[in-house]
Amino acid sequence: MTVPGASNDPAPTVGDGPLDAAAAMRLALAVSARVHGTTSPNPPVGCVVLDRDGRVAGTGATAPPGGPHAEVAALAEAGERARGGTAVVTLEPCAHHGRTPPCTDALRAAGIVAVHAGVADPNPVAAGGAAVLRAAGVDVTVGTLGAEVAAGPLRGWLHATRTGRPHVTWKFAATLDGRSAAADGSSRWITGPAARARVHALRATSDAVVVGTGTALADDPALTARDAAGTPVPRQPLRVLVGLRHPRPGSHLDAPDVLHLRTHDPDEVLAALHARGVVDVLLEGGPRLAGAFLAAGRVDRVLAHLAPALLGAGPAALADAGVGTIADILRLQVASVELVGGDLVVDAVPGPARGAVDPVAPWSADQAGPVPAVVDGGLGRKGRR
């Protein structure tokens, strides 16, 4: 299974010619996508080193905690070709001593003369690398493809660093009339195999997958990330069960590696996960748990998988979300709509205020949400984001 943005993407390829900063940044984004989900609590950063002629000399991505940062890995691959060259990195190089030495030191020692960073580092402990490099005579640009970078693999980490809580994506599958199961409770399968493959790739890049005890008792989900053959992939997210009831003995979530948080409070859930270094949370169900997270304002992204089908009865995808009147409606800003197999996938973020009907505000590079996308008339191609 190969899905864009997943850690099993094939290695990005480029020609032998020189690259400009934008092309190199997109390559750095592709490199960072290959390690997304393996670096938390560190950010999944990608770096491309160009030689003095603008040709790719080395690429690198952040290793798991304790390993080299993206810049160091890219410089090691570039070797002497880095001298007089340019480093293009998705996040501002760090300037502090943590588990590893500052990346600013490595860049200067390698003879890098210019740096392009996608976004500034919001972590006050690590920030300041741009100023350090400029003081050493390095030409530094911050904000190269900033919107695309902020919407990419760094999205969850940027959010967690700025807010102190994990980034939450609520994923659900439903029919066009909003049903997540039939009247008898059966729900497999509402969406087709292509959409389900997307979900497994999403799990593979998430730090934790969360469900409520009601869903665990009704559906017995495994919450594992699997390939097209149904085999679990090597890297699995933390499986989290939320609620006061116990899972059924012998069920998938009755396992020692499942974290059972006996609470109904979304903030308690997120605090417990943040303490474990979790950055990206995938909220998969059920409707009551999703409603609680939405009511608390703790959903940062919505991925709706809508099958072109009707049930007419059965459980709804969402229960009480704290909306008692149309004035309190929770509106979403749609970033993209895509046809995946035979299903629609809507990618959206909660709007600025309950009940707001204003047009979507222009996207800012200071936000960690998705970039609005343009979709062709047939819904067959997603715009760049």
Foldseek 3Di string as FASTA:
>chain_A
DADPLFLPHPQDDDDFAADDLLVQLVNQLSQLSNCQQQAFPDAWKKKFKAALRRGTQFIATQHHPLDDHGLVRRCVSNDLSNANIEMEMAEQWFCADDSHHTSLVVSVVSNHQEYEYQAYDPQPRGGDSQVVNVVVRHHYHYNRVLQLSLQGSRLLSLVCRVPVWAAEEEEAEDAPVQAQAAAVLHRPDQDDPQVVLVVLSVQNNFQEEEEEQVCCQRPLDLQFRAHPVRHGDPGGHQYEYEAQDDHDPPGNQPDPSHHYHHDLAPVVVRVVCVVVRGRYYYYYDAQDSVLNCLLVVNHFKYKYKYAHDDRPDHHGRHDHNPDDDLQQAWDWDWQKWACGPRIIITITGTDPGGNDDDHHDQDDSSHSHHHRWDADPVRHDTGRD
